[in-house]
C-alpha atoms as a PDB file:
ATOM      1  CA  UNK A   1     -80.971-119.419 -10.145  1.00  0.00           C
ATOM      2  CA  UNK A   2     -82.364-120.887  -6.934  1.00  0.00           C
ATOM      3  CA  UNK A   3     -81.946-118.854  -3.803  1.00  0.00           C
ATOM      4  CA  UNK A   4     -79.509-120.300  -1.317  1.00  0.00           C
ATOM      5  CA  UNK A   5     -80.951-121.779   1.863  1.00  0.00           C
ATOM      6  CA  UNK A   6     -79.431-122.227   5.294  1.00  0.00           C
ATOM      7  CA  UNK A   7     -80.628-124.284   8.231  1.00  0.00           C
ATOM      8  CA  UNK A   8     -81.065-122.725  11.680  1.00  0.00           C
ATOM      9  CA  UNK A   9     -82.273-124.940  14.552  1.00  0.00           C
ATOM     10  CA  UNK A  10     -83.783-127.399  12.092  1.00  0.00           C
ATOM     11  CA  UNK A  11     -85.813-124.604  10.448  1.00  0.00           C
ATOM     12  CA  UNK A  12     -85.140-123.672   6.849  1.00  0.00           C
ATOM     13  CA  UNK A  13     -84.417-119.955   6.436  1.00  0.00           C
ATOM     14  CA  UNK A  14     -84.132-118.439   2.988  1.00  0.00           C
ATOM     15  CA  UNK A  15     -80.917-116.505   2.500  1.00  0.00           C
ATOM     16  CA  UNK A  16     -80.936-113.238   0.569  1.00  0.00           C
ATOM     17  CA  UNK A  17     -79.091-112.831  -2.697  1.00  0.00           C
ATOM     18  CA  UNK A  18     -75.966-110.712  -2.944  1.00  0.00           C
ATOM     19  CA  UNK A  19     -76.250-108.699  -6.170  1.00  0.00           C
ATOM     20  CA  UNK A  20     -73.651-106.101  -7.102  1.00  0.00           C
ATOM     21  CA  UNK A  21     -73.668-103.279  -9.640  1.00  0.00           C
ATOM     22  CA  UNK A  22     -70.386-102.558 -11.405  1.00  0.00           C
ATOM     23  CA  UNK A  23     -69.136-100.342 -14.181  1.00  0.00           C
ATOM     24  CA  UNK A  24     -66.751 -97.510 -14.987  1.00  0.00           C
ATOM     25  CA  UNK A  25     -67.262 -94.036 -13.544  1.00  0.00           C
ATOM     26  CA  UNK A  26     -70.140 -92.395 -15.399  1.00  0.00           C
ATOM     27  CA  UNK A  27     -71.944 -95.661 -16.153  1.00  0.00           C
ATOM     28  CA  UNK A  28     -74.840 -94.688 -13.875  1.00  0.00           C
ATOM     29  CA  UNK A  29     -74.432 -97.355 -11.208  1.00  0.00           C
ATOM     30  CA  UNK A  30     -75.781 -95.274  -8.331  1.00  0.00           C
ATOM     31  CA  UNK A  31     -78.750 -93.905 -10.271  1.00  0.00           C
ATOM     32  CA  UNK A  32     -79.658 -97.324 -11.640  1.00  0.00           C
ATOM     33  CA  UNK A  33     -79.116 -99.393  -8.488  1.00  0.00           C
ATOM     34  CA  UNK A  34     -81.076 -96.996  -6.251  1.00  0.00           C
ATOM     35  CA  UNK A  35     -83.944 -96.807  -8.755  1.00  0.00           C
ATOM     36  CA  UNK A  36     -84.114-100.597  -9.047  1.00  0.00           C
ATOM     37  CA  UNK A  37     -84.049-101.002  -5.266  1.00  0.00           C
ATOM     38  CA  UNK A  38     -86.809 -98.421  -4.725  1.00  0.00           C
ATOM     39  CA  UNK A  39     -89.036-100.051  -7.331  1.00  0.00           C
ATOM     40  CA  UNK A  40     -88.575-103.528  -5.894  1.00  0.00           C
ATOM     41  CA  UNK A  41     -89.215-102.291  -2.349  1.00  0.00           C
ATOM     42  CA  UNK A  42     -92.509-100.768  -3.476  1.00  0.00           C
ATOM     43  CA  UNK A  43     -93.461-104.141  -4.933  1.00  0.00           C
ATOM     44  CA  UNK A  44     -92.833-105.847  -1.595  1.00  0.00           C
ATOM     45  CA  UNK A  45     -89.451-107.459  -2.213  1.00  0.00           C
ATOM     46  CA  UNK A  46     -87.006-107.678   0.715  1.00  0.00           C
ATOM     47  CA  UNK A  47     -84.147-105.715  -0.795  1.00  0.00           C
ATOM     48  CA  UNK A  48     -81.670-103.173   0.541  1.00  0.00           C
ATOM     49  CA  UNK A  49     -79.387-100.755  -1.271  1.00  0.00           C
ATOM     50  CA  UNK A  50     -75.831-100.138  -0.091  1.00  0.00           C
ATOM     51  CA  UNK A  51     -72.593 -98.833  -1.543  1.00  0.00           C
ATOM     52  CA  UNK A  52     -68.829 -99.123  -1.569  1.00  0.00           C
ATOM     53  CA  UNK A  53     -66.571 -97.772  -0.383  1.00  0.00           C
ATOM     54  CA  UNK A  54     -68.740 -97.059   2.633  1.00  0.00           C
ATOM     55  CA  UNK A  55     -72.137 -98.434   3.526  1.00  0.00           C
ATOM     56  CA  UNK A  56     -71.625 -98.381   7.308  1.00  0.00           C
ATOM     57  CA  UNK A  57     -70.188 -95.893   9.817  1.00  0.00           C
ATOM     58  CA  UNK A  58     -66.540 -96.933   9.928  1.00  0.00           C
ATOM     59  CA  UNK A  59     -66.526 -97.905   6.249  1.00  0.00           C
ATOM     60  CA  UNK A  60     -67.834 -94.432   5.349  1.00  0.00           C
ATOM     61  CA  UNK A  61     -65.041 -92.815   7.348  1.00  0.00           C
ATOM     62  CA  UNK A  62     -62.511 -94.827   5.354  1.00  0.00           C
ATOM     63  CA  UNK A  63     -64.308 -93.763   2.155  1.00  0.00           C
ATOM     64  CA  UNK A  64     -63.709 -90.143   3.076  1.00  0.00           C
ATOM     65  CA  UNK A  65     -59.976 -90.739   3.286  1.00  0.00           C
ATOM     66  CA  UNK A  66     -59.838 -92.658  -0.004  1.00  0.00           C
ATOM     67  CA  UNK A  67     -61.781 -90.149  -2.093  1.00  0.00           C
ATOM     68  CA  UNK A  68     -60.576 -86.899  -0.545  1.00  0.00           C
ATOM     69  CA  UNK A  69     -59.091 -84.850  -3.433  1.00  0.00           C
ATOM     70  CA  UNK A  70     -56.499 -83.489  -0.995  1.00  0.00           C
ATOM     71  CA  UNK A  71     -54.919 -86.946  -0.604  1.00  0.00           C
ATOM     72  CA  UNK A  72     -53.013 -86.793  -3.873  1.00  0.00           C
ATOM     73  CA  UNK A  73     -49.933 -88.409  -2.335  1.00  0.00           C
ATOM     74  CA  UNK A  74     -51.703 -91.638  -1.420  1.00  0.00           C
ATOM     75  CA  UNK A  75     -49.655 -94.692  -2.365  1.00  0.00           C
ATOM     76  CA  UNK A  76     -51.407 -97.167  -4.691  1.00  0.00           C
ATOM     77  CA  UNK A  77     -50.968-100.075  -2.277  1.00  0.00           C
ATOM     78  CA  UNK A  78     -52.292 -97.964   0.577  1.00  0.00           C
ATOM     79  CA  UNK A  79     -55.342 -97.191  -1.562  1.00  0.00           C
ATOM     80  CA  UNK A  80     -55.908-100.888  -2.267  1.00  0.00           C
ATOM     81  CA  UNK A  81     -55.599-101.772   1.419  1.00  0.00           C
ATOM     82  CA  UNK A  82     -58.011 -99.015   2.451  1.00  0.00           C
ATOM     83  CA  UNK A  83     -60.609-100.261  -0.032  1.00  0.00           C
ATOM     84  CA  UNK A  84     -60.226-103.776   1.356  1.00  0.00           C
ATOM     85  CA  UNK A  85     -60.551-102.492   4.934  1.00  0.00           C
ATOM     86  CA  UNK A  86     -63.695-100.529   4.107  1.00  0.00           C
ATOM     87  CA  UNK A  87     -65.092-103.574   2.301  1.00  0.00           C
ATOM     88  CA  UNK A  88     -64.487-105.829   5.277  1.00  0.00           C
ATOM     89  CA  UNK A  89     -66.210-103.465   7.699  1.00  0.00           C
ATOM     90  CA  UNK A  90     -69.150-102.983   5.342  1.00  0.00           C
ATOM     91  CA  UNK A  91     -69.482-106.718   4.821  1.00  0.00           C
ATOM     92  CA  UNK A  92     -69.425-107.395   8.554  1.00  0.00           C
ATOM     93  CA  UNK A  93     -71.714-104.516   9.558  1.00  0.00           C
ATOM     94  CA  UNK A  94     -74.330-104.599   6.847  1.00  0.00           C
ATOM     95  CA  UNK A  95     -74.091-107.184   4.080  1.00  0.00           C
ATOM     96  CA  UNK A  96     -73.766-110.467   5.942  1.00  0.00           C
ATOM     97  CA  UNK A  97     -76.422-109.695   8.613  1.00  0.00           C
ATOM     98  CA  UNK A  98     -78.895-108.666   5.909  1.00  0.00           C
ATOM     99  CA  UNK A  99     -78.271-111.762   3.794  1.00  0.00           C
ATOM    100  CA  UNK A 100     -78.626-114.021   6.835  1.00  0.00           C
ATOM    101  CA  UNK A 101     -82.011-112.464   7.616  1.00  0.00           C
ATOM    102  CA  UNK A 102     -83.305-113.142   4.100  1.00  0.00           C
ATOM    103  CA  UNK A 103     -82.789-109.648   2.685  1.00  0.00           C
ATOM    104  CA  UNK A 104     -81.303-109.304  -0.804  1.00  0.00           C
ATOM    105  CA  UNK A 105     -78.464-106.794  -0.986  1.00  0.00           C
ATOM    106  CA  UNK A 106     -78.034-104.543  -4.023  1.00  0.00           C
ATOM    107  CA  UNK A 107     -74.529-103.138  -3.660  1.00  0.00           C
ATOM    108  CA  UNK A 108     -73.141-100.267  -5.687  1.00  0.00           C
ATOM    109  CA  UNK A 109     -69.637-101.775  -6.190  1.00  0.00           C
ATOM    110  CA  UNK A 110     -67.805-104.610  -4.465  1.00  0.00           C
ATOM    111  CA  UNK A 111     -64.589-106.555  -5.052  1.00  0.00           C
ATOM    112  CA  UNK A 112     -64.672-106.286  -8.876  1.00  0.00           C
ATOM    113  CA  UNK A 113     -64.114-102.533  -8.555  1.00  0.00           C
ATOM    114  CA  UNK A 114     -60.838-103.104  -6.718  1.00  0.00           C
ATOM    115  CA  UNK A 115     -59.695-105.627  -9.305  1.00  0.00           C
ATOM    116  CA  UNK A 116     -60.363-103.120 -12.095  1.00  0.00           C
ATOM    117  CA  UNK A 117     -59.345 -99.851 -10.417  1.00  0.00           C
ATOM    118  CA  UNK A 118     -56.390-100.877  -8.280  1.00  0.00           C
ATOM    119  CA  UNK A 119     -55.466-104.066 -10.123  1.00  0.00           C
ATOM    120  CA  UNK A 120     -55.461-102.492 -13.578  1.00  0.00           C
ATOM    121  CA  UNK A 121     -55.987 -98.745 -13.170  1.00  0.00           C
ATOM    122  CA  UNK A 122     -53.150 -98.545 -10.618  1.00  0.00           C
ATOM    123  CA  UNK A 123     -51.348-101.450 -12.325  1.00  0.00           C
ATOM    124  CA  UNK A 124     -50.908-103.456  -9.128  1.00  0.00           C
ATOM    125  CA  UNK A 125     -52.129-106.643 -10.814  1.00  0.00           C
ATOM    126  CA  UNK A 126     -55.517-108.348 -10.592  1.00  0.00           C
ATOM    127  CA  UNK A 127     -54.174-111.362  -8.707  1.00  0.00           C
ATOM    128  CA  UNK A 128     -52.293-109.215  -6.204  1.00  0.00           C
ATOM    129  CA  UNK A 129     -55.384-107.126  -5.431  1.00  0.00           C
ATOM    130  CA  UNK A 130     -57.549-110.235  -5.257  1.00  0.00           C
ATOM    131  CA  UNK A 131     -55.152-111.710  -2.669  1.00  0.00           C
ATOM    132  CA  UNK A 132     -55.573-108.610  -0.466  1.00  0.00           C
ATOM    133  CA  UNK A 133     -59.348-108.859  -0.732  1.00  0.00           C
ATOM    134  CA  UNK A 134     -59.516-112.617  -0.233  1.00  0.00           C
ATOM    135  CA  UNK A 135     -58.574-112.047   3.408  1.00  0.00           C
ATOM    136  CA  UNK A 136     -61.173-109.273   3.686  1.00  0.00           C
ATOM    137  CA  UNK A 137     -64.187-111.062   2.186  1.00  0.00           C
ATOM    138  CA  UNK A 138     -63.529-114.627   3.432  1.00  0.00           C
ATOM    139  CA  UNK A 139     -65.010-116.183   0.315  1.00  0.00           C
ATOM    140  CA  UNK A 140     -68.168-114.062   0.270  1.00  0.00           C
ATOM    141  CA  UNK A 141     -68.588-113.232  -3.408  1.00  0.00           C
ATOM    142  CA  UNK A 142     -71.630-111.846  -5.251  1.00  0.00           C
ATOM    143  CA  UNK A 143     -74.291-114.232  -6.504  1.00  0.00           C
ATOM    144  CA  UNK A 144     -74.734-112.063  -9.592  1.00  0.00           C
ATOM    145  CA  UNK A 145     -73.233-108.844 -10.916  1.00  0.00           C
ATOM    146  CA  UNK A 146     -74.974-106.281 -13.107  1.00  0.00           C
ATOM    147  CA  UNK A 147     -72.259-104.680 -15.240  1.00  0.00           C
ATOM    148  CA  UNK A 148     -73.206-101.344 -16.808  1.00  0.00           C
ATOM    149  CA  UNK A 149     -71.063-101.132 -19.902  1.00  0.00           C
ATOM    150  CA  UNK A 150     -69.931 -97.729 -21.172  1.00  0.00           C
ATOM    151  CA  UNK A 151     -66.635 -96.636 -22.709  1.00  0.00           C
ATOM    152  CA  UNK A 152     -64.207 -94.826 -20.430  1.00  0.00           C
ATOM    153  CA  UNK A 153     -64.255 -91.637 -22.512  1.00  0.00           C
ATOM    154  CA  UNK A 154     -68.053 -91.430 -22.496  1.00  0.00           C
ATOM    155  CA  UNK A 155     -68.229 -92.103 -18.757  1.00  0.00           C
ATOM    156  CA  UNK A 156     -65.576 -89.506 -17.976  1.00  0.00           C
ATOM    157  CA  UNK A 157     -67.364 -86.865 -20.040  1.00  0.00           C
ATOM    158  CA  UNK A 158     -70.573 -87.590 -18.151  1.00  0.00           C
ATOM    159  CA  UNK A 159     -69.106 -87.182 -14.676  1.00  0.00           C
ATOM    160  CA  UNK A 160     -67.153 -84.060 -15.564  1.00  0.00           C
ATOM    161  CA  UNK A 161     -70.250 -82.405 -17.006  1.00  0.00           C
ATOM    162  CA  UNK A 162     -72.693 -83.531 -14.302  1.00  0.00           C
ATOM    163  CA  UNK A 163     -70.737 -83.398 -11.014  1.00  0.00           C
ATOM    164  CA  UNK A 164     -69.932 -80.123  -9.327  1.00  0.00           C
ATOM    165  CA  UNK A 165     -67.229 -81.710  -7.162  1.00  0.00           C
ATOM    166  CA  UNK A 166     -64.866 -84.380  -8.482  1.00  0.00           C
ATOM    167  CA  UNK A 167     -63.335 -86.866  -6.061  1.00  0.00           C
ATOM    168  CA  UNK A 168     -59.744 -88.086  -6.219  1.00  0.00           C
ATOM    169  CA  UNK A 169     -60.463 -90.884  -8.699  1.00  0.00           C
ATOM    170  CA  UNK A 170     -62.765 -88.757 -10.862  1.00  0.00           C
ATOM    171  CA  UNK A 171     -59.798 -86.447 -11.435  1.00  0.00           C
ATOM    172  CA  UNK A 172     -57.608 -89.198 -12.877  1.00  0.00           C
ATOM    173  CA  UNK A 173     -56.601 -89.116 -16.548  1.00  0.00           C
ATOM    174  CA  UNK A 174     -58.461 -90.730 -19.430  1.00  0.00           C
ATOM    175  CA  UNK A 175     -55.568 -93.218 -19.690  1.00  0.00           C
ATOM    176  CA  UNK A 176     -56.231 -94.344 -16.107  1.00  0.00           C
ATOM    177  CA  UNK A 177     -59.942 -94.801 -16.784  1.00  0.00           C
ATOM    178  CA  UNK A 178     -59.194 -96.707 -19.982  1.00  0.00           C
ATOM    179  CA  UNK A 179     -57.026 -99.119 -17.982  1.00  0.00           C
ATOM    180  CA  UNK A 180     -59.925 -99.496 -15.539  1.00  0.00           C
ATOM    181  CA  UNK A 181     -62.325-100.293 -18.387  1.00  0.00           C
ATOM    182  CA  UNK A 182     -59.927-102.865 -19.822  1.00  0.00           C
ATOM    183  CA  UNK A 183     -59.559-104.304 -16.326  1.00  0.00           C
ATOM    184  CA  UNK A 184     -63.302-104.757 -16.101  1.00  0.00           C
ATOM    185  CA  UNK A 185     -63.218-106.698 -19.376  1.00  0.00           C
ATOM    186  CA  UNK A 186     -60.726-109.099 -17.805  1.00  0.00           C
ATOM    187  CA  UNK A 187     -62.875-109.400 -14.665  1.00  0.00           C
ATOM    188  CA  UNK A 188     -65.891-110.193 -16.851  1.00  0.00           C
ATOM    189  CA  UNK A 189     -63.887-112.927 -18.551  1.00  0.00           C
ATOM    190  CA  UNK A 190     -62.782-114.385 -15.212  1.00  0.00           C
ATOM    191  CA  UNK A 191     -66.268-114.355 -13.678  1.00  0.00           C
ATOM    192  CA  UNK A 192     -68.439-114.743 -16.759  1.00  0.00           C
ATOM    193  CA  UNK A 193     -70.870-117.072 -14.981  1.00  0.00           C
ATOM    194  CA  UNK A 194     -72.143-114.338 -12.639  1.00  0.00           C
ATOM    195  CA  UNK A 195     -72.070-111.365 -15.013  1.00  0.00           C
ATOM    196  CA  UNK A 196     -75.153-109.741 -16.537  1.00  0.00           C
ATOM    197  CA  UNK A 197     -74.008-107.085 -19.008  1.00  0.00           C
ATOM    198  CA  UNK A 198     -76.236-104.102 -19.816  1.00  0.00           C
ATOM    199  CA  UNK A 199     -75.486-101.445 -22.428  1.00  0.00           C
ATOM    200  CA  UNK A 200     -75.234 -98.205 -20.437  1.00  0.00           C
ATOM    201  CA  UNK A 201     -75.055 -96.052 -23.569  1.00  0.00           C
ATOM    202  CA  UNK A 202     -78.854 -96.221 -23.701  1.00  0.00           C
ATOM    203  CA  UNK A 203     -81.117 -93.570 -22.133  1.00  0.00           C
ATOM    204  CA  UNK A 204     -81.017 -93.982 -18.344  1.00  0.00           C
ATOM    205  CA  UNK A 205     -84.688 -95.033 -18.226  1.00  0.00           C
ATOM    206  CA  UNK A 206     -83.903 -97.970 -20.523  1.00  0.00           C
ATOM    207  CA  UNK A 207     -80.868 -98.952 -18.456  1.00  0.00           C
ATOM    208  CA  UNK A 208     -82.957 -98.881 -15.270  1.00  0.00           C
ATOM    209  CA  UNK A 209     -85.645-101.019 -16.870  1.00  0.00           C
ATOM    210  CA  UNK A 210     -83.127-103.585 -18.134  1.00  0.00           C
ATOM    211  CA  UNK A 211     -81.471-103.794 -14.703  1.00  0.00           C
ATOM    212  CA  UNK A 212     -84.844-104.025 -12.955  1.00  0.00           C
ATOM    213  CA  UNK A 213     -85.936-106.905 -15.168  1.00  0.00           C
ATOM    214  CA  UNK A 214     -82.625-108.706 -14.587  1.00  0.00           C
ATOM    215  CA  UNK A 215     -82.791-108.395 -10.791  1.00  0.00           C
ATOM    216  CA  UNK A 216     -86.501-109.202 -10.619  1.00  0.00           C
ATOM    217  CA  UNK A 217     -85.849-112.322 -12.678  1.00  0.00           C
ATOM    218  CA  UNK A 218     -83.238-113.453 -10.153  1.00  0.00           C
ATOM    219  CA  UNK A 219     -85.568-112.828  -7.205  1.00  0.00           C
ATOM    220  CA  UNK A 220     -88.467-114.652  -8.845  1.00  0.00           C
ATOM    221  CA  UNK A 221     -86.404-117.670  -9.932  1.00  0.00           C
END
């Protein structure tokens, strides 16, 4: 895939790629995406790690509200709107400026998470959640998405055995996480052209290597 280019004052400036990491809870997105970013940085690539919800000051404050285990009464539509608000702030503060300066963004989650978690997990509907986020992202979609594929039951067992503190979504039932996984399968079908699927049942070192090779291939294309 050729990197996009934009013209500024008759000079050609290379635009960074927007690469997202997606997958169910327990798929290892944070571990894998940070490891890939660190390795590429050491090799001299202009890459930057970020995450959702959060990634910038105001977006992180919204994240705290969303994931606070005390907020058990949060309405599903409120949750979807808060994710979209955090996403918009993050996009404006961090993602778009970095891309415009030629830096490739590696983001731990983006819009696909909302489609799977709120669209299917909360059963609000993929199209309905996409409509909320269409206003927030203004057409800025990932160039490529690394999807770390692991069954909901396996992922849930991982997070409940490895994390000392579970956030509000971690505490949801297996049935919820199964709906999320099935939602991701629908998202993959809808956006098959940008999806790179990696088996996350492998040892984490193998998952990191596969993701590294995929991202490096995109940067070197």
